[in-house]
């Protein structure tokens, strides 16, 4: 049995470093799609109004095909983060739902 001193020439240290490098590369490869997805989001703010340009509150604003949504406040204002190519669906009681790209 050979005994190696601690240091870079130790074969076990070389194997350990190689395994650590592989794990780091795997972790980066797994996180890359999430970083790219997050960059495709934009922040949309707006105001929903009805007849006479009066604000409409409690309107549901949802990105079509996702669970991302917001509700307008008492002044009709909303803020939502959606994908750049997303479609917003506005819906409320007594109103016809509308889609805006």
Foldseek 3Di string as FASTA:
>chain_A
DDDDDDDDVDVVVVVVVVVVVVVVVVVCVVCVVVVVQVVQKDKDKDFDADPPRAGDFQKWKDWPPDPWIWTAHNRRMDITIDGPPTKIWTDDPPDDIDIHD
